[in-house]
């Protein structure tokens, strides 16, 4: 890939921007060849907003009218900076589709190599950062300001923040950009974790009715939690899909490019003519994580590929935080072999599993998500999944360890196998995959993703590899 930065060190004839008497232009940056090596450029993270103006470098391409204000903020914060990466100017324009696609697929690489990622909020957020620097509590007034910041739920925000070696949050200054300007900021990762704790405690002090007034701040909590506990090698595709679900983007493909940046920090040089959703799934397969299977999409109809999603969204089965390394697997000729799988026998729900489910539902009720005192356990479990945006059928498969709710039910006459991905966990269980065929003589297998609600089998059940046919 080619990596460009804004710099005053380019040739005079290439200096298309003049800021405080200094000319800035696009400069091709030498990319580090060793993973983990930092470079000497600064990355900027911000939201575009609605306004547009012609790019000074590619006049036929319109960029955000906030870009210059944000760039000025970065220069004020780093007056000695000689190289700044900012998307509106440094991502190649649509007129260069191959270069543009390879850059967008390499965003994890770019942000992980920066010496610092500077998050620039609007000037409206200044009171929030002021309060965060001097108090242990954010009031509803401050939470409302933060809720209104588009950066909180922007698609690119997630990968930009989790890949940062050092993260700083600042606000644009409404009074101008002199060298003496004071921009309130949180400067380092420890500040971020303190801010995360402050945000969590402030939201936790609210009543359920009050908490509903700040739905976007849940996305910010998820972002900070992922910054704290997960590196890109440990971050499963399902975890990224869940956190990214509902985030906003200017272009539909940005959703997948941002997800790619969250699970990989390797640059992309060659770009095939494939869609961004397919590019994301292929990246997951190269990484050996098949947890992207656990989405609401329909399945491929090709022989040997009926396990694979088709579509353009990859929405997770439920909106609930997961952890674990993913669904490990590898391609074996034209087959995929999944690792660490528990295959469950259909039968009656065990008493230990029933006790676990009822205990989880009680805890769920205490968190004010809902209450189903008059429903039997199986029906209450389904209603709880509906709260978590499960759109599948209420027909379940019972096993000794728990209940499995498929996205779509298997035919009544089908021969069914239930496999559970124990390498990924929700507090309520794990993702599952249902394999079935119409009769024993058929070579055609079908697959449905589902939610296993119960005690995840671990040491008590022998784990094994499982081939998807």
Protein backbone atom coordinates (compact mmCIF):
# COMPACT_ATOMS: atom_id res chain seq x y z
CA UNK A 1 0.00 0.00 0.00
CA UNK A 2 0.99 3.64 -0.38
CA UNK A 3 0.81 5.69 2.81
CA UNK A 4 0.49 9.47 2.48
CA UNK A 5 0.74 12.11 5.23
CA UNK A 6 0.28 15.87 5.37
CA UNK A 7 3.71 17.45 5.82
CA UNK A 8 5.58 20.75 5.35
CA UNK A 9 8.57 18.73 4.14
CA UNK A 10 7.16 18.06 0.67
CA UNK A 11 8.27 19.90 -2.45
CA UNK A 12 7.21 23.59 -2.53
CA UNK A 13 5.06 23.05 -5.62
CA UNK A 14 3.06 20.37 -3.75
CA UNK A 15 2.21 22.60 -0.78
CA UNK A 16 -1.51 23.19 -1.35
CA UNK A 17 -2.34 24.24 2.23
CA UNK A 18 -0.89 27.27 4.06
CA UNK A 19 -1.38 27.31 7.83
CA UNK A 20 0.13 30.06 9.99
CA UNK A 21 2.62 30.86 7.25
CA UNK A 22 3.68 27.23 6.68
CA UNK A 23 2.93 25.32 3.49
CA UNK A 24 1.67 21.73 3.82
CA UNK A 25 1.32 19.08 1.14
CA UNK A 26 0.94 15.34 0.61
CA UNK A 27 4.09 13.31 1.25
CA UNK A 28 4.45 9.58 0.67
CA UNK A 29 5.46 8.01 3.97
CA UNK A 30 7.86 5.09 4.24
CA UNK A 31 5.90 2.35 6.01
CA UNK A 32 7.52 0.31 8.81
CA UNK A 33 8.34 -3.20 7.63
CA UNK A 34 8.23 -4.76 11.10
CA UNK A 35 4.92 -5.33 12.86
CA UNK A 36 4.71 -3.37 16.08
CA UNK A 37 7.15 -0.67 14.93
CA UNK A 38 5.86 2.85 15.48
CA UNK A 39 6.34 5.58 12.94
CA UNK A 40 6.73 9.31 13.50
CA UNK A 41 3.35 10.49 12.26
CA UNK A 42 0.25 11.57 14.15
CA UNK A 43 -3.20 10.16 13.29
CA UNK A 44 -6.38 12.21 13.74
CA UNK A 45 -9.80 10.77 14.59
CA UNK A 46 -12.90 12.93 14.12
CA UNK A 47 -16.33 13.01 12.48
CA UNK A 48 -17.02 14.57 9.12
CA UNK A 49 -20.45 16.10 9.74
CA UNK A 50 -22.70 17.22 6.88
CA UNK A 51 -20.75 20.11 5.30
CA UNK A 52 -18.44 19.59 2.32
CA UNK A 53 -15.86 21.54 0.33
CA UNK A 54 -13.47 20.60 -2.53
CA UNK A 55 -10.24 18.95 -1.39
CA UNK A 56 -7.21 21.18 -1.99
CA UNK A 57 -5.34 18.09 -3.21
CA UNK A 58 -8.07 16.51 -5.34
CA UNK A 59 -10.54 19.32 -6.24
CA UNK A 60 -12.96 16.89 -7.88
CA UNK A 61 -13.41 15.14 -4.51
CA UNK A 62 -15.38 16.86 -1.75
CA UNK A 63 -14.31 16.36 1.87
CA UNK A 64 -15.59 17.42 5.28
CA UNK A 65 -15.64 21.13 6.00
CA UNK A 66 -14.49 20.23 9.55
CA UNK A 67 -11.19 18.85 8.25
CA UNK A 68 -9.26 22.13 8.27
CA UNK A 69 -10.49 23.04 11.76
CA UNK A 70 -9.49 19.58 13.04
CA UNK A 71 -6.10 19.79 11.31
CA UNK A 72 -5.49 23.18 12.96
CA UNK A 73 -6.36 21.62 16.32
CA UNK A 74 -3.80 18.86 15.73
CA UNK A 75 -1.10 21.40 14.85
CA UNK A 76 -1.86 23.45 17.99
CA UNK A 77 -1.62 20.30 20.11
CA UNK A 78 1.60 19.22 18.37
CA UNK A 79 3.37 22.38 17.13
CA UNK A 80 6.51 20.41 16.22
CA UNK A 81 4.65 17.73 14.22
CA UNK A 82 6.00 17.28 10.71
CA UNK A 83 3.73 14.42 9.59
CA UNK A 84 -0.03 14.17 10.18
CA UNK A 85 -2.38 11.52 8.81
CA UNK A 86 -5.95 12.76 8.36
CA UNK A 87 -8.40 10.73 6.30
CA UNK A 88 -9.97 13.46 4.13
CA UNK A 89 -6.58 14.33 2.62
CA UNK A 90 -4.54 11.13 3.03
CA UNK A 91 -6.96 8.46 1.74
CA UNK A 92 -6.67 8.36 -2.08
CA UNK A 93 -9.79 9.72 -3.83
CA UNK A 94 -12.46 7.57 -5.56
CA UNK A 95 -10.76 8.29 -8.89
CA UNK A 96 -7.98 5.92 -7.72
CA UNK A 97 -10.13 2.95 -6.59
CA UNK A 98 -7.35 0.39 -6.10
CA UNK A 99 -5.17 2.69 -3.98
CA UNK A 100 -8.22 3.87 -2.06
CA UNK A 101 -9.45 0.32 -1.30
CA UNK A 102 -6.02 -0.89 -0.18
CA UNK A 103 -5.74 2.11 2.17
CA UNK A 104 -9.22 1.59 3.63
CA UNK A 105 -8.47 -2.10 4.19
CA UNK A 106 -5.24 -1.15 5.97
CA UNK A 107 -6.64 1.29 8.51
CA UNK A 108 -5.71 -0.98 11.42
CA UNK A 109 -2.12 -0.89 10.18
CA UNK A 110 -2.11 2.90 9.88
CA UNK A 111 -3.57 3.67 13.30
CA UNK A 112 -1.47 1.05 15.07
CA UNK A 113 1.74 2.60 13.67
CA UNK A 114 0.99 6.19 14.67
CA UNK A 115 2.93 7.70 17.54
CA UNK A 116 -0.40 9.02 18.83
CA UNK A 117 -4.07 9.03 17.85
CA UNK A 118 -5.63 12.42 18.50
CA UNK A 119 -9.43 12.31 18.96
CA UNK A 120 -10.96 15.71 18.19
CA UNK A 121 -14.45 16.31 19.58
CA UNK A 122 -16.46 19.45 18.92
CA UNK A 123 -16.11 22.49 21.15
CA UNK A 124 -19.47 21.58 22.72
CA UNK A 125 -17.71 18.78 24.62
CA UNK A 126 -15.28 21.10 26.46
CA UNK A 127 -17.39 21.09 29.67
CA UNK A 128 -17.29 17.27 29.71
CA UNK A 129 -13.50 17.09 29.62
CA UNK A 130 -13.25 19.90 32.15
CA UNK A 131 -15.53 18.00 34.51
CA UNK A 132 -13.70 14.71 33.92
CA UNK A 133 -10.38 16.30 34.90
CA UNK A 134 -11.60 17.56 38.26
CA UNK A 135 -14.43 15.31 39.43
CA UNK A 136 -15.43 11.68 39.99
CA UNK A 137 -18.87 12.11 38.47
CA UNK A 138 -20.52 13.23 35.23
CA UNK A 139 -23.95 14.81 35.70
CA UNK A 140 -26.90 14.19 33.35
CA UNK A 141 -26.01 17.55 31.78
CA UNK A 142 -22.51 16.32 30.87
CA UNK A 143 -23.81 12.90 29.77
CA UNK A 144 -26.27 14.62 27.42
CA UNK A 145 -23.43 16.62 25.84
CA UNK A 146 -21.37 13.47 25.30
CA UNK A 147 -24.42 11.59 23.99
CA UNK A 148 -24.78 14.24 21.28
CA UNK A 149 -21.19 13.82 19.99
CA UNK A 150 -21.29 11.92 16.68
CA UNK A 151 -17.80 10.56 17.37
CA UNK A 152 -19.33 8.28 20.02
CA UNK A 153 -21.06 6.02 17.47
CA UNK A 154 -19.10 6.64 14.27
CA UNK A 155 -18.07 3.40 12.53
CA UNK A 156 -14.38 4.35 12.19
CA UNK A 157 -14.14 5.41 15.85
CA UNK A 158 -13.89 1.84 17.09
CA UNK A 159 -10.86 0.68 15.14
CA UNK A 160 -9.12 4.05 15.45
CA UNK A 161 -9.29 3.96 19.24
CA UNK A 162 -8.56 0.27 19.92
CA UNK A 163 -5.47 0.32 17.71
CA UNK A 164 -3.96 3.43 19.28
CA UNK A 165 -0.60 3.08 21.04
CA UNK A 166 -1.40 6.38 22.76
CA UNK A 167 -4.79 8.03 22.68
CA UNK A 168 -5.57 11.67 23.43
CA UNK A 169 -9.01 13.31 23.43
CA UNK A 170 -9.25 17.05 22.79
CA UNK A 171 -11.89 19.55 21.72
CA UNK A 172 -11.74 22.16 19.01
CA UNK A 173 -11.32 25.63 20.47
CA UNK A 174 -14.13 28.04 19.56
CA UNK A 175 -11.90 31.08 20.23
CA UNK A 176 -9.30 30.41 17.57
CA UNK A 177 -6.04 28.54 17.16
CA UNK A 178 -3.10 30.51 18.45
CA UNK A 179 -0.16 28.75 20.01
CA UNK A 180 -1.44 29.84 23.43
CA UNK A 181 -4.86 28.24 22.98
CA UNK A 182 -5.86 25.85 25.76
CA UNK A 183 -7.59 22.72 24.51
CA UNK A 184 -8.96 20.56 27.29
CA UNK A 185 -7.74 17.03 26.85
CA UNK A 186 -7.27 13.55 28.20
CA UNK A 187 -3.71 12.72 27.28
CA UNK A 188 -2.87 9.04 27.62
CA UNK A 189 -4.23 5.53 28.00
CA UNK A 190 -4.35 5.76 31.79
CA UNK A 191 -6.48 8.88 31.41
CA UNK A 192 -8.73 6.92 29.06
CA UNK A 193 -9.22 4.16 31.61
CA UNK A 194 -9.99 6.72 34.30
CA UNK A 195 -12.50 8.32 31.97
CA UNK A 196 -13.99 4.88 31.22
CA UNK A 197 -14.39 4.25 34.95
CA UNK A 198 -15.92 7.70 35.40
CA UNK A 199 -18.37 7.13 32.55
CA UNK A 200 -19.37 3.69 33.84
CA UNK A 201 -19.95 4.88 37.41
CA UNK A 202 -21.92 7.90 36.20
CA UNK A 203 -24.18 5.75 34.01
CA UNK A 204 -24.47 3.15 36.77
CA UNK A 205 -25.88 5.74 39.16
CA UNK A 206 -28.87 6.37 36.90
CA UNK A 207 -32.27 4.74 37.13
CA UNK A 208 -33.28 2.42 34.24
CA UNK A 209 -35.55 5.16 32.86
CA UNK A 210 -32.72 7.71 32.98
CA UNK A 211 -30.25 5.27 31.39
CA UNK A 212 -32.49 4.96 28.34
CA UNK A 213 -31.85 8.64 27.62
CA UNK A 214 -28.21 7.82 26.70
CA UNK A 215 -28.28 4.83 24.29
CA UNK A 216 -25.21 5.99 22.35
CA UNK A 217 -23.01 6.05 25.44
CA UNK A 218 -23.30 2.26 25.68
CA UNK A 219 -21.26 2.13 22.46
CA UNK A 220 -18.63 4.32 24.07
CA UNK A 221 -18.52 2.01 27.12
CA UNK A 222 -17.98 -0.99 24.82
CA UNK A 223 -15.19 0.84 23.01
CA UNK A 224 -13.30 1.68 26.20
CA UNK A 225 -13.82 -1.84 27.56
CA UNK A 226 -12.28 -3.29 24.40
CA UNK A 227 -9.36 -0.85 24.63
CA UNK A 228 -8.72 -2.10 28.15
CA UNK A 229 -8.91 -5.88 27.73
CA UNK A 230 -8.41 -7.00 24.13
CA UNK A 231 -5.58 -6.89 21.62
CA UNK A 232 -6.37 -7.38 17.96
CA UNK A 233 -5.13 -10.98 18.02
CA UNK A 234 -7.58 -11.80 20.83
CA UNK A 235 -10.55 -9.91 19.38
CA UNK A 236 -13.01 -12.25 17.69
CA UNK A 237 -14.96 -11.37 14.56
CA UNK A 238 -18.19 -11.84 16.55
CA UNK A 239 -17.03 -9.38 19.21
CA UNK A 240 -16.26 -6.78 16.55
CA UNK A 241 -19.53 -7.41 14.71
CA UNK A 242 -21.47 -6.88 17.94
CA UNK A 243 -19.74 -3.67 18.94
CA UNK A 244 -20.01 -2.29 15.41
CA UNK A 245 -23.70 -3.14 15.02
CA UNK A 246 -25.67 0.10 14.96
CA UNK A 247 -22.69 2.41 14.47
CA UNK A 248 -22.99 5.06 11.76
CA UNK A 249 -20.97 5.61 8.61
CA UNK A 250 -21.01 7.89 5.58
CA UNK A 251 -20.58 5.04 3.08
CA UNK A 252 -21.94 1.49 3.64
CA UNK A 253 -18.54 -0.09 2.91
CA UNK A 254 -16.96 1.91 5.77
CA UNK A 255 -18.68 -0.48 8.20
CA UNK A 256 -16.63 -3.44 6.97
CA UNK A 257 -13.40 -1.53 6.44
CA UNK A 258 -13.61 -0.37 10.06
CA UNK A 259 -14.21 -3.95 11.24
CA UNK A 260 -11.19 -5.13 9.25
CA UNK A 261 -9.07 -2.51 10.98
CA UNK A 262 -10.22 -3.82 14.37
CA UNK A 263 -9.02 -7.40 13.77
CA UNK A 264 -5.90 -6.89 11.67
CA UNK A 265 -2.96 -4.47 11.73
CA UNK A 266 -1.30 -5.82 8.59
CA UNK A 267 -1.22 -3.67 5.44
CA UNK A 268 -3.04 -4.71 2.28
CA UNK A 269 -1.15 -4.31 -0.96
CA UNK A 270 -3.19 -6.22 -3.52
CA UNK A 271 -6.93 -5.65 -3.64
CA UNK A 272 -9.16 -8.13 -5.44
CA UNK A 273 -12.38 -7.00 -7.08
CA UNK A 274 -14.60 -8.18 -4.24
CA UNK A 275 -17.10 -6.43 -2.02
CA UNK A 276 -16.14 -5.18 1.45
CA UNK A 277 -18.30 -7.81 3.24
CA UNK A 278 -16.58 -10.61 1.36
CA UNK A 279 -13.19 -8.99 2.01
CA UNK A 280 -13.95 -8.98 5.76
CA UNK A 281 -14.95 -12.67 5.78
CA UNK A 282 -11.84 -13.66 3.80
CA UNK A 283 -9.66 -11.75 6.25
CA UNK A 284 -11.31 -13.65 9.12
CA UNK A 285 -10.67 -16.95 7.34
CA UNK A 286 -6.99 -16.11 6.81
CA UNK A 287 -6.79 -15.24 10.48
CA UNK A 288 -8.38 -18.62 11.34
CA UNK A 289 -11.45 -17.19 13.08
CA UNK A 290 -14.82 -18.38 11.78
CA UNK A 291 -16.99 -16.65 14.37
CA UNK A 292 -18.42 -14.47 11.59
CA UNK A 293 -20.72 -17.48 11.01
CA UNK A 294 -22.85 -16.39 13.94
CA UNK A 295 -24.82 -13.73 12.12
CA UNK A 296 -28.38 -13.31 10.92
CA UNK A 297 -27.54 -13.61 7.24
CA UNK A 298 -28.86 -16.33 4.92
CA UNK A 299 -26.45 -19.10 3.95
CA UNK A 300 -24.74 -19.91 0.66
CA UNK A 301 -26.53 -22.41 -1.57
CA UNK A 302 -23.38 -23.91 -3.13
CA UNK A 303 -22.40 -27.48 -2.30
CA UNK A 304 -19.83 -27.51 0.50
CA UNK A 305 -20.46 -23.83 1.30
CA UNK A 306 -23.90 -23.94 2.91
CA UNK A 307 -22.36 -22.94 6.25
CA UNK A 308 -21.09 -19.64 4.86
CA UNK A 309 -23.11 -16.40 5.18
CA UNK A 310 -24.20 -14.46 2.13
CA UNK A 311 -25.43 -10.89 2.28
CA UNK A 312 -24.12 -7.46 3.06
CA UNK A 313 -24.65 -6.81 6.79
CA UNK A 314 -23.30 -9.60 9.07
CA UNK A 315 -25.46 -8.53 12.01
CA UNK A 316 -24.76 -10.60 15.16
CA UNK A 317 -27.39 -13.04 16.44
CA UNK A 318 -27.77 -11.08 19.69
CA UNK A 319 -26.55 -7.73 21.02
CA UNK A 320 -24.63 -8.95 24.06
CA UNK A 321 -20.94 -8.65 24.92
CA UNK A 322 -18.83 -11.72 24.13
CA UNK A 323 -15.27 -12.70 24.97
CA UNK A 324 -12.79 -15.36 23.90
CA UNK A 325 -10.49 -15.98 20.98
CA UNK A 326 -13.18 -16.83 18.46
CA UNK A 327 -14.17 -19.96 16.56
CA UNK A 328 -10.84 -21.39 15.50
CA UNK A 329 -10.68 -23.25 12.21
CA UNK A 330 -8.69 -23.93 9.08
CA UNK A 331 -9.43 -24.71 5.45
CA UNK A 332 -8.75 -28.32 4.46
CA UNK A 333 -8.97 -28.58 0.68
CA UNK A 334 -12.59 -27.65 0.01
CA UNK A 335 -13.68 -28.21 3.59
CA UNK A 336 -13.35 -26.24 6.79
CA UNK A 337 -12.31 -27.92 10.03
CA UNK A 338 -13.47 -26.18 13.20
CA UNK A 339 -11.49 -26.69 16.40
CA UNK A 340 -12.56 -26.97 20.04
CA UNK A 341 -16.16 -27.90 19.30
CA UNK A 342 -18.62 -29.60 21.68
CA UNK A 343 -21.20 -31.76 19.91
CA UNK A 344 -24.37 -32.05 22.01
CA UNK A 345 -26.97 -34.80 22.00
CA UNK A 346 -30.60 -33.77 21.80
CA UNK A 347 -32.69 -34.71 24.79
CA UNK A 348 -34.31 -33.37 27.94
CA UNK A 349 -33.04 -30.17 29.56
CA UNK A 350 -30.99 -31.11 32.62
CA UNK A 351 -31.82 -29.77 36.07
CA UNK A 352 -28.40 -28.12 36.50
CA UNK A 353 -28.88 -26.35 33.17
CA UNK A 354 -32.39 -25.28 34.14
CA UNK A 355 -31.09 -23.86 37.42
CA UNK A 356 -28.36 -21.96 35.52
CA UNK A 357 -30.86 -20.47 33.04
CA UNK A 358 -33.29 -19.44 35.78
CA UNK A 359 -30.46 -17.83 37.76
CA UNK A 360 -29.33 -15.88 34.71
CA UNK A 361 -32.87 -14.73 34.01
CA UNK A 362 -33.20 -13.53 37.61
CA UNK A 363 -29.97 -11.51 37.29
CA UNK A 364 -31.24 -10.14 33.97
CA UNK A 365 -34.44 -9.06 35.67
CA UNK A 366 -32.51 -7.32 38.45
CA UNK A 367 -30.68 -5.31 35.78
CA UNK A 368 -34.12 -4.06 34.68
CA UNK A 369 -34.07 -5.68 31.26
CA UNK A 370 -37.44 -7.39 31.77
CA UNK A 371 -39.44 -9.81 33.89
CA UNK A 372 -41.28 -13.01 32.97
CA UNK A 373 -42.43 -14.56 36.30
CA UNK A 374 -45.43 -16.41 34.82
CA UNK A 375 -43.61 -18.05 31.91
CA UNK A 376 -41.96 -21.45 31.87
CA UNK A 377 -38.15 -21.43 31.72
CA UNK A 378 -37.90 -22.18 28.02
CA UNK A 379 -40.31 -19.42 27.01
CA UNK A 380 -38.73 -16.90 29.40
CA UNK A 381 -35.31 -17.68 27.90
CA UNK A 382 -36.64 -16.90 24.44
CA UNK A 383 -38.22 -13.62 25.60
CA UNK A 384 -34.88 -12.58 27.14
CA UNK A 385 -33.14 -13.24 23.82
CA UNK A 386 -35.72 -11.07 22.10
CA UNK A 387 -34.71 -8.22 24.40
CA UNK A 388 -31.16 -8.77 23.09
CA UNK A 389 -32.49 -8.35 19.51
CA UNK A 390 -32.59 -12.05 18.66
CA UNK A 391 -34.83 -12.35 15.59
CA UNK A 392 -34.89 -16.14 15.36
CA UNK A 393 -37.73 -18.59 15.90
CA UNK A 394 -38.98 -19.58 19.34
CA UNK A 395 -38.71 -23.29 18.45
CA UNK A 396 -35.77 -24.59 20.46
CA UNK A 397 -33.68 -27.75 20.66
CA UNK A 398 -33.19 -29.12 24.16
CA UNK A 399 -29.98 -30.76 25.39
CA UNK A 400 -28.76 -31.88 28.81
CA UNK A 401 -26.58 -28.74 29.04
CA UNK A 402 -29.00 -26.12 27.77
CA UNK A 403 -31.36 -24.84 25.08
CA UNK A 404 -30.44 -24.01 21.50
CA UNK A 405 -32.47 -21.38 19.63
CA UNK A 406 -31.74 -21.51 15.87
CA UNK A 407 -32.11 -18.44 13.69
CA UNK A 408 -34.41 -20.55 11.50
CA UNK A 409 -35.82 -23.94 12.60
CA UNK A 410 -34.60 -27.15 11.00
CA UNK A 411 -37.26 -29.33 9.31
CA UNK A 412 -38.99 -31.70 11.73
CA UNK A 413 -37.81 -34.77 9.81
CA UNK A 414 -34.19 -33.67 9.51
CA UNK A 415 -31.24 -35.44 11.12
CA UNK A 416 -29.74 -32.81 13.40
CA UNK A 417 -26.37 -32.22 15.07
CA UNK A 418 -25.81 -29.36 17.50
CA UNK A 419 -22.29 -27.97 17.86
CA UNK A 420 -21.30 -25.34 20.40
CA UNK A 421 -18.33 -22.97 19.97
CA UNK A 422 -16.85 -23.08 23.47
CA UNK A 423 -14.06 -20.65 22.53
CA UNK A 424 -16.57 -17.79 22.52
CA UNK A 425 -18.69 -16.97 25.54
CA UNK A 426 -21.65 -14.87 26.48
CA UNK A 427 -22.68 -14.76 30.12
CA UNK A 428 -25.77 -16.73 29.05
CA UNK A 429 -23.92 -19.37 27.00
CA UNK A 430 -22.19 -19.57 23.60
CA UNK A 431 -22.92 -19.38 19.87
CA UNK A 432 -24.08 -22.62 18.26
CA UNK A 433 -24.34 -24.08 14.78
CA UNK A 434 -27.00 -26.60 13.80
CA UNK A 435 -26.08 -29.06 11.06
CA UNK A 436 -28.88 -31.07 9.44
CA UNK A 437 -29.75 -33.11 6.39
CA UNK A 438 -33.06 -34.48 5.15
CA UNK A 439 -32.12 -38.17 5.38
CA UNK A 440 -29.14 -40.41 6.14
CA UNK A 441 -28.44 -41.14 2.47
CA UNK A 442 -28.13 -37.48 1.50
CA UNK A 443 -24.72 -35.88 0.97
CA UNK A 444 -26.20 -32.40 1.27
CA UNK A 445 -25.80 -30.73 4.67
CA UNK A 446 -27.50 -27.50 5.71
CA UNK A 447 -26.52 -25.14 8.53
CA UNK A 448 -28.29 -22.71 10.82
CA UNK A 449 -26.58 -20.44 13.37
CA UNK A 450 -28.14 -20.24 16.80
CA UNK A 451 -27.79 -19.24 20.45
CA UNK A 452 -26.89 -21.87 23.04
CA UNK A 453 -28.50 -20.77 26.31
CA UNK A 454 -27.11 -22.79 29.22
CA UNK A 455 -23.98 -24.14 30.87
CA UNK A 456 -21.25 -24.16 28.24
CA UNK A 457 -19.76 -27.66 28.10
CA UNK A 458 -16.10 -27.60 28.98
CA UNK A 459 -14.04 -30.20 30.81
CA UNK A 460 -16.97 -32.56 31.24
CA UNK A 461 -17.46 -33.00 27.49
CA UNK A 462 -14.64 -34.05 25.19
CA UNK A 463 -13.94 -31.27 22.70
CA UNK A 464 -13.12 -32.21 19.15
CA UNK A 465 -12.60 -30.97 15.64
CA UNK A 466 -15.65 -30.74 13.41
CA UNK A 467 -15.73 -30.68 9.60
CA UNK A 468 -18.18 -28.45 7.80
CA UNK A 469 -19.32 -30.25 4.68
